Each structure stands twice: as C-alpha cells, then as structure tokens.
Amino acid sequence: MPSTPPIRSWFVGCCTLCLLCGVLGTEAIAAQDVEDADLAARMQNGGAVLLLRHAYAPGTGDPEGFRLDDCATQRNLDDAGREQARSIGAWLRARGIGRARVYSSEWCRCLETAELLGLGPVTPLPALNSFFERRADRGPNLAALAAFLKDQPQTGDPIVLVTHQVTVTALSGIYPASGEAVLMRRSDQDRASLKPLGRLDFGH
C-alpha cells in the first residue's frame, strides 16, 4: 500500500434519512465530491469531529472469550492495517492536521490505529467501545459519548475518535469500511449534536 495514497472525499448534498439514534439526533447523508482542501479546512475551523473506523483487521468480531486487557485474545490489525493507519495520519498531516485530540475505543485494534496516526497522545474512551456483540451497551455507550462531546470546547485541535463500525453507523448513518472516516461537526448550540459533513476513504 503506498504511504501517501490518493484521497476521495465527499460533501453532504442533502439529508435523506433520519437516523434512529435519539441520543445524539444525527442524520444520515447523501454525499458528493468536494475538494480535499475544503474538507481539511473544515477540520481546522473548530467543532470538528472525525469518526474513524479502525484500520484493517482480518475477520469479524472477536474470538470467544476475548479480553480487553489481553490483545492476544482479540482480532488485531495485520501489517496492511498498520500501513493503512500510518497512511491516514500522513494524509492528514499533509493537509495541515498535525495534531488532534485523539480518543480511542479500548479494543487493541483501535488503540493501535490511533497510535499509528501520529497525531498526538491517545486517550482510551470506553464510550467508543464496540457493542457489536454487546448490544445492551449501545444505549449507555452513546449516552456517555454525548456527555463527553458536550464537555469538549469548540475551539482547539480537531477531535479524532477511533472506534468501530457500529459506533460510526449509529452516529452518522454510514456503514464505513475499515480505515474509513466520517467528518462530523458539533452544533454551536448543542455540542453533543453531530451533523455529518463528509466521508473519507483515504484512497483504500
């Protein structure tokens, strides 16, 4: 995989579906092409949140009996996934996003993705944890994430949340591929409310 792959990005043309996620009240989007520079500028204008699904980790879910405190029991990134994570960070830095407030699910594949981005210290955030196999955690996780976002200032470095497909889909209405991201913007009136702005597949 090239270290600086081409990028495809989309901008919201219109909202087509209501996302049935009452916690954050976001909307699903229909997207269309925009210039990379425009999307990068939006990330630096304050209130930006990049929802990133972890980089490629072969398989689905996790082995039976996996533990969060033992990476050997989990599904993890392979070499291609690690290179994918590095390339995402390189793309962002090339467009002026040299630092971010980086938060990650406690799953090892998310933490490793977040570290390999090279955008700054990584803080584990349980609200970003997967509920793919823990459906009862969906509501509590999303509520905790809403509370977290509400407490974050609108100014400063953009927020990067490295998480799982189920979380990205719940917040944006988009089903992301591994290493794909959705750029969201927090409302000035309600910082817990997210609006989808664009979609990045980083050329994968």
C-alpha atoms as a PDB file:
ATOM      1  CA  MET A   1       0.000   0.000   0.000  1.00  0.00           C
ATOM      2  CA  PRO A   2       1.530   3.422  -0.917  1.00  0.00           C
ATOM      3  CA  SER A   3       2.416   5.606   2.052  1.00  0.00           C
ATOM      4  CA  THR A   4       0.578   8.636   0.623  1.00  0.00           C
ATOM      5  CA  PRO A   5      -2.443   7.246  -1.222  1.00  0.00           C
ATOM      6  CA  PRO A   6      -4.842   9.444  -3.210  1.00  0.00           C
ATOM      7  CA  ILE A   7      -7.947  10.588  -1.329  1.00  0.00           C
ATOM      8  CA  ARG A   8     -11.581  10.516  -2.188  1.00  0.00           C
ATOM      9  CA  SER A   9     -13.893  12.724  -0.156  1.00  0.00           C
ATOM     10  CA  TRP A  10     -17.494  13.614  -0.290  1.00  0.00           C
ATOM     11  CA  PHE A  11     -19.533  16.591   0.960  1.00  0.00           C
ATOM     12  CA  VAL A  12     -23.119  16.408   2.129  1.00  0.00           C
ATOM     13  CA  GLY A  13     -25.584  17.240  -0.640  1.00  0.00           C
ATOM     14  CA  CYS A  14     -28.730  16.598   1.327  1.00  0.00           C
ATOM     15  CA  CYS A  15     -30.024  14.585   4.259  1.00  0.00           C
ATOM     16  CA  THR A  16     -32.075  11.643   3.044  1.00  0.00           C
ATOM     17  CA  LEU A  17     -32.776   9.523   6.072  1.00  0.00           C
ATOM     18  CA  CYS A  18     -33.414  10.195   9.743  1.00  0.00           C
ATOM     19  CA  LEU A  19     -31.012   8.241  11.923  1.00  0.00           C
ATOM     20  CA  LEU A  20     -32.898   6.438  14.642  1.00  0.00           C
ATOM     21  CA  CYS A  21     -30.397   7.404  17.283  1.00  0.00           C
ATOM     22  CA  GLY A  22     -32.220   9.660  19.713  1.00  0.00           C
ATOM     23  CA  VAL A  23     -29.160  10.138  21.856  1.00  0.00           C
ATOM     24  CA  LEU A  24     -27.323  12.488  19.511  1.00  0.00           C
ATOM     25  CA  GLY A  25     -30.017  13.298  16.968  1.00  0.00           C
ATOM     26  CA  THR A  26     -27.784  12.969  13.901  1.00  0.00           C
ATOM     27  CA  GLU A  27     -28.878  12.455  10.301  1.00  0.00           C
ATOM     28  CA  ALA A  28     -27.865  10.057   7.562  1.00  0.00           C
ATOM     29  CA  ILE A  29     -26.420  11.733   4.498  1.00  0.00           C
ATOM     30  CA  ALA A  30     -26.162  11.576   0.761  1.00  0.00           C
ATOM     31  CA  ALA A  31     -22.678  12.652  -0.263  1.00  0.00           C
ATOM     32  CA  GLN A  32     -20.979  14.168  -3.287  1.00  0.00           C
ATOM     33  CA  ASP A  33     -17.430  15.062  -4.239  1.00  0.00           C
ATOM     34  CA  VAL A  34     -15.673  18.085  -2.768  1.00  0.00           C
ATOM     35  CA  GLU A  35     -12.120  19.349  -2.852  1.00  0.00           C
ATOM     36  CA  ASP A  36      -9.749  17.818  -0.318  1.00  0.00           C
ATOM     37  CA  ALA A  37      -8.638  21.287   0.749  1.00  0.00           C
ATOM     38  CA  ASP A  38     -12.195  22.230   1.672  1.00  0.00           C
ATOM     39  CA  LEU A  39     -12.631  19.187   3.865  1.00  0.00           C
ATOM     40  CA  ALA A  40      -9.262  19.713   5.559  1.00  0.00           C
ATOM     41  CA  ALA A  41     -10.173  23.359   6.199  1.00  0.00           C
ATOM     42  CA  ARG A  42     -13.402  22.287   7.850  1.00  0.00           C
ATOM     43  CA  MET A  43     -11.423  20.099  10.225  1.00  0.00           C
ATOM     44  CA  GLN A  44      -9.479  23.161  11.397  1.00  0.00           C
ATOM     45  CA  ASN A  45     -12.398  25.562  11.814  1.00  0.00           C
ATOM     46  CA  GLY A  46     -13.461  24.348  15.270  1.00  0.00           C
ATOM     47  CA  GLY A  47     -16.135  21.894  16.315  1.00  0.00           C
ATOM     48  CA  ALA A  48     -14.818  19.164  14.004  1.00  0.00           C
ATOM     49  CA  VAL A  49     -15.079  15.504  14.974  1.00  0.00           C
ATOM     50  CA  LEU A  50     -13.557  12.793  12.778  1.00  0.00           C
ATOM     51  CA  LEU A  51     -15.184   9.405  13.359  1.00  0.00           C
ATOM     52  CA  LEU A  52     -12.672   6.811  12.183  1.00  0.00           C
ATOM     53  CA  ARG A  53     -13.296   3.098  11.987  1.00  0.00           C
ATOM     54  CA  HIS A  54     -10.141   1.245  12.998  1.00  0.00           C
ATOM     55  CA  ALA A  55      -7.789   0.144  10.229  1.00  0.00           C
ATOM     56  CA  TYR A  56      -7.973  -3.249   8.591  1.00  0.00           C
ATOM     57  CA  ALA A  57      -8.084  -6.214  10.976  1.00  0.00           C
ATOM     58  CA  PRO A  58      -8.864  -9.519   9.240  1.00  0.00           C
ATOM     59  CA  GLY A  59     -12.016 -11.297  10.317  1.00  0.00           C
ATOM     60  CA  THR A  60     -15.243 -10.272  12.021  1.00  0.00           C
ATOM     61  CA  GLY A  61     -15.973  -9.653  15.679  1.00  0.00           C
ATOM     62  CA  ASP A  62     -13.644 -11.201  18.256  1.00  0.00           C
ATOM     63  CA  PRO A  63     -12.768 -14.738  19.343  1.00  0.00           C
ATOM     64  CA  GLU A  64     -14.934 -16.273  22.023  1.00  0.00           C
ATOM     65  CA  GLY A  65     -13.706 -15.343  25.480  1.00  0.00           C
ATOM     66  CA  PHE A  66     -11.622 -12.354  24.341  1.00  0.00           C
ATOM     67  CA  ARG A  67     -10.438  -9.885  26.976  1.00  0.00           C
ATOM     68  CA  LEU A  68      -9.804  -6.163  26.646  1.00  0.00           C
ATOM     69  CA  ASP A  69      -6.679  -6.456  28.778  1.00  0.00           C
ATOM     70  CA  ASP A  70      -5.089  -9.068  26.506  1.00  0.00           C
ATOM     71  CA  CYS A  71      -4.505  -8.165  22.871  1.00  0.00           C
ATOM     72  CA  ALA A  72      -3.589 -11.776  22.088  1.00  0.00           C
ATOM     73  CA  THR A  73      -7.225 -12.771  22.663  1.00  0.00           C
ATOM     74  CA  GLN A  74      -8.615 -10.167  20.227  1.00  0.00           C
ATOM     75  CA  ARG A  75      -8.857  -9.609  16.489  1.00  0.00           C
ATOM     76  CA  ASN A  76      -5.992  -7.256  15.660  1.00  0.00           C
ATOM     77  CA  LEU A  77      -4.515  -5.220  12.819  1.00  0.00           C
ATOM     78  CA  ASP A  78      -2.311  -7.035  10.349  1.00  0.00           C
ATOM     79  CA  ASP A  79       0.626  -5.436   8.507  1.00  0.00           C
ATOM     80  CA  ALA A  80      -1.693  -3.987   5.866  1.00  0.00           C
ATOM     81  CA  GLY A  81      -3.862  -2.462   8.585  1.00  0.00           C
ATOM     82  CA  ARG A  82      -0.860  -0.889  10.268  1.00  0.00           C
ATOM     83  CA  GLU A  83       0.304   0.654   7.000  1.00  0.00           C
ATOM     84  CA  GLN A  84      -3.248   1.853   6.388  1.00  0.00           C
ATOM     85  CA  ALA A  85      -3.293   3.629   9.763  1.00  0.00           C
ATOM     86  CA  ARG A  86       0.072   5.280   9.071  1.00  0.00           C
ATOM     87  CA  SER A  87      -1.109   6.458   5.655  1.00  0.00           C
ATOM     88  CA  ILE A  88      -4.220   8.070   7.161  1.00  0.00           C
ATOM     89  CA  GLY A  89      -2.065  10.044   9.575  1.00  0.00           C
ATOM     90  CA  ALA A  90       0.283  11.046   6.751  1.00  0.00           C
ATOM     91  CA  TRP A  91      -2.644  12.286   4.644  1.00  0.00           C
ATOM     92  CA  LEU A  92      -3.968  14.411   7.492  1.00  0.00           C
ATOM     93  CA  ARG A  93      -0.557  15.896   8.297  1.00  0.00           C
ATOM     94  CA  ALA A  94      -0.009  16.739   4.621  1.00  0.00           C
ATOM     95  CA  ARG A  95      -3.170  18.845   4.801  1.00  0.00           C
ATOM     96  CA  GLY A  96      -2.285  20.751   7.927  1.00  0.00           C
ATOM     97  CA  ILE A  97      -3.784  18.457  10.572  1.00  0.00           C
ATOM     98  CA  GLY A  98      -0.580  17.877  12.524  1.00  0.00           C
ATOM     99  CA  ARG A  99      -2.209  17.437  15.914  1.00  0.00           C
ATOM    100  CA  ALA A 100      -5.578  16.319  17.175  1.00  0.00           C
ATOM    101  CA  ARG A 101      -7.322  15.333  20.359  1.00  0.00           C
ATOM    102  CA  VAL A 102      -7.234  11.577  19.770  1.00  0.00           C
ATOM    103  CA  TYR A 103      -9.549   9.231  21.665  1.00  0.00           C
ATOM    104  CA  SER A 104      -9.937   5.511  21.119  1.00  0.00           C
ATOM    105  CA  SER A 105     -12.012   2.514  21.954  1.00  0.00           C
ATOM    106  CA  GLU A 106     -10.291   0.223  24.448  1.00  0.00           C
ATOM    107  CA  TRP A 107     -10.024  -2.548  21.823  1.00  0.00           C
ATOM    108  CA  CYS A 108      -6.403  -3.145  20.800  1.00  0.00           C
ATOM    109  CA  ARG A 109      -7.074  -2.718  17.068  1.00  0.00           C
ATOM    110  CA  CYS A 110      -8.482   0.748  17.747  1.00  0.00           C
ATOM    111  CA  LEU A 111      -5.708   1.772  20.135  1.00  0.00           C
ATOM    112  CA  GLU A 112      -3.042   0.648  17.662  1.00  0.00           C
ATOM    113  CA  THR A 113      -4.753   2.530  14.828  1.00  0.00           C
ATOM    114  CA  ALA A 114      -4.907   5.663  16.965  1.00  0.00           C
ATOM    115  CA  GLU A 115      -1.240   5.438  17.940  1.00  0.00           C
ATOM    116  CA  LEU A 116      -0.091   4.869  14.353  1.00  0.00           C
ATOM    117  CA  LEU A 117      -1.889   8.013  13.157  1.00  0.00           C
ATOM    118  CA  GLY A 118       0.877  10.000  14.837  1.00  0.00           C
ATOM    119  CA  LEU A 119      -1.390  12.947  15.695  1.00  0.00           C
ATOM    120  CA  GLY A 120      -0.687  13.140  19.414  1.00  0.00           C
ATOM    121  CA  PRO A 121      -1.313  11.271  22.670  1.00  0.00           C
ATOM    122  CA  VAL A 122      -4.101   8.709  22.621  1.00  0.00           C
ATOM    123  CA  THR A 123      -6.687   8.578  25.405  1.00  0.00           C
ATOM    124  CA  PRO A 124      -8.807   5.418  25.807  1.00  0.00           C
ATOM    125  CA  LEU A 125     -12.515   6.279  25.930  1.00  0.00           C
ATOM    126  CA  PRO A 126     -14.883   3.451  26.937  1.00  0.00           C
ATOM    127  CA  ALA A 127     -17.816   5.257  25.286  1.00  0.00           C
ATOM    128  CA  LEU A 128     -16.204   4.330  21.941  1.00  0.00           C
ATOM    129  CA  ASN A 129     -16.133   0.609  22.727  1.00  0.00           C
ATOM    130  CA  SER A 130     -17.880  -1.826  20.408  1.00  0.00           C
ATOM    131  CA  PHE A 131     -21.412  -3.013  21.028  1.00  0.00           C
ATOM    132  CA  PHE A 132     -21.386  -5.384  18.033  1.00  0.00           C
ATOM    133  CA  GLU A 133     -21.505  -8.385  20.367  1.00  0.00           C
ATOM    134  CA  ARG A 134     -22.703  -6.455  23.426  1.00  0.00           C
ATOM    135  CA  ARG A 135     -25.991  -4.975  22.220  1.00  0.00           C
ATOM    136  CA  ALA A 136     -27.021  -3.899  25.711  1.00  0.00           C
ATOM    137  CA  ASP A 137     -24.072  -1.469  25.706  1.00  0.00           C
ATOM    138  CA  ARG A 138     -25.392   0.531  22.739  1.00  0.00           C
ATOM    139  CA  GLY A 139     -27.559   2.995  24.643  1.00  0.00           C
ATOM    140  CA  PRO A 140     -25.155   3.555  27.551  1.00  0.00           C
ATOM    141  CA  ASN A 141     -22.173   3.967  25.221  1.00  0.00           C
ATOM    142  CA  LEU A 142     -23.910   6.525  23.029  1.00  0.00           C
ATOM    143  CA  ALA A 143     -25.214   8.440  26.036  1.00  0.00           C
ATOM    144  CA  ALA A 144     -21.717   8.551  27.534  1.00  0.00           C
ATOM    145  CA  LEU A 145     -20.299   9.734  24.223  1.00  0.00           C
ATOM    146  CA  ALA A 146     -22.897  12.510  24.012  1.00  0.00           C
ATOM    147  CA  ALA A 147     -21.933  13.663  27.512  1.00  0.00           C
ATOM    148  CA  PHE A 148     -18.247  13.566  26.591  1.00  0.00           C
ATOM    149  CA  LEU A 149     -18.737  15.653  23.454  1.00  0.00           C
ATOM    150  CA  LYS A 150     -20.870  18.187  25.276  1.00  0.00           C
ATOM    151  CA  ASP A 151     -17.953  18.865  27.633  1.00  0.00           C
ATOM    152  CA  GLN A 152     -15.413  19.444  24.842  1.00  0.00           C
ATOM    153  CA  PRO A 153     -14.614  23.046  23.840  1.00  0.00           C
ATOM    154  CA  GLN A 154     -15.477  24.131  20.315  1.00  0.00           C
ATOM    155  CA  THR A 155     -12.029  25.654  19.824  1.00  0.00           C
ATOM    156  CA  GLY A 156      -8.662  23.942  19.692  1.00  0.00           C
ATOM    157  CA  ASP A 157      -7.421  20.890  17.819  1.00  0.00           C
ATOM    158  CA  PRO A 158      -9.952  18.718  15.982  1.00  0.00           C
ATOM    159  CA  ILE A 159     -11.241  15.630  17.759  1.00  0.00           C
ATOM    160  CA  VAL A 160     -10.450  12.215  16.280  1.00  0.00           C
ATOM    161  CA  LEU A 161     -12.499   9.299  17.621  1.00  0.00           C
ATOM    162  CA  VAL A 162     -11.143   5.884  16.650  1.00  0.00           C
ATOM    163  CA  THR A 163     -13.904   3.363  17.071  1.00  0.00           C
ATOM    164  CA  HIS A 164     -15.884   0.546  15.429  1.00  0.00           C
ATOM    165  CA  GLN A 165     -18.300   0.237  12.521  1.00  0.00           C
ATOM    166  CA  VAL A 166     -21.341   0.030  14.793  1.00  0.00           C
ATOM    167  CA  THR A 167     -20.493   3.308  16.509  1.00  0.00           C
ATOM    168  CA  VAL A 168     -19.782   5.194  13.295  1.00  0.00           C
ATOM    169  CA  THR A 169     -23.028   3.921  11.774  1.00  0.00           C
ATOM    170  CA  ALA A 170     -25.062   4.813  14.862  1.00  0.00           C
ATOM    171  CA  LEU A 171     -23.792   8.392  14.790  1.00  0.00           C
ATOM    172  CA  SER A 172     -23.699   9.060  11.041  1.00  0.00           C
ATOM    173  CA  GLY A 173     -25.975   6.595   9.273  1.00  0.00           C
ATOM    174  CA  ILE A 174     -22.969   5.482   7.204  1.00  0.00           C
ATOM    175  CA  TYR A 175     -21.528   1.952   7.105  1.00  0.00           C
ATOM    176  CA  PRO A 176     -17.762   2.583   6.900  1.00  0.00           C
ATOM    177  CA  ALA A 177     -15.110   0.254   5.573  1.00  0.00           C
ATOM    178  CA  SER A 178     -12.050  -0.436   7.690  1.00  0.00           C
ATOM    179  CA  GLY A 179      -9.964   2.729   7.879  1.00  0.00           C
ATOM    180  CA  GLU A 180     -12.781   4.889   6.539  1.00  0.00           C
ATOM    181  CA  ALA A 181     -13.895   8.053   8.344  1.00  0.00           C
ATOM    182  CA  VAL A 182     -16.865  10.390   8.545  1.00  0.00           C
ATOM    183  CA  LEU A 183     -16.272  14.058   9.327  1.00  0.00           C
ATOM    184  CA  MET A 184     -18.875  15.452  11.725  1.00  0.00           C
ATOM    185  CA  ARG A 185     -19.498  18.936  13.086  1.00  0.00           C
ATOM    186  CA  ARG A 186     -20.833  19.747  16.523  1.00  0.00           C
ATOM    187  CA  SER A 187     -23.610  22.295  16.824  1.00  0.00           C
ATOM    188  CA  ASP A 188     -22.718  25.637  18.414  1.00  0.00           C
ATOM    189  CA  GLN A 189     -25.964  25.443  20.374  1.00  0.00           C
ATOM    190  CA  ASP A 190     -25.677  21.807  21.454  1.00  0.00           C
ATOM    191  CA  ARG A 191     -22.138  20.447  21.394  1.00  0.00           C
ATOM    192  CA  ALA A 192     -23.464  16.891  21.807  1.00  0.00           C
ATOM    193  CA  SER A 193     -25.352  17.160  18.497  1.00  0.00           C
ATOM    194  CA  LEU A 194     -23.424  15.967  15.446  1.00  0.00           C
ATOM    195  CA  LYS A 195     -24.032  16.768  11.780  1.00  0.00           C
ATOM    196  CA  PRO A 196     -22.316  14.682   9.073  1.00  0.00           C
ATOM    197  CA  LEU A 197     -20.229  16.809   6.690  1.00  0.00           C
ATOM    198  CA  GLY A 198     -18.257  14.390   4.548  1.00  0.00           C
ATOM    199  CA  ARG A 199     -16.834  10.947   4.110  1.00  0.00           C
ATOM    200  CA  LEU A 200     -13.206   9.923   3.663  1.00  0.00           C
ATOM    201  CA  ASP A 201     -11.991   6.572   2.391  1.00  0.00           C
ATOM    202  CA  PHE A 202      -8.326   7.696   2.127  1.00  0.00           C
ATOM    203  CA  GLY A 203      -7.950   6.025  -1.256  1.00  0.00           C
ATOM    204  CA  HIS A 204      -8.340   2.487   0.089  1.00  0.00           C
END
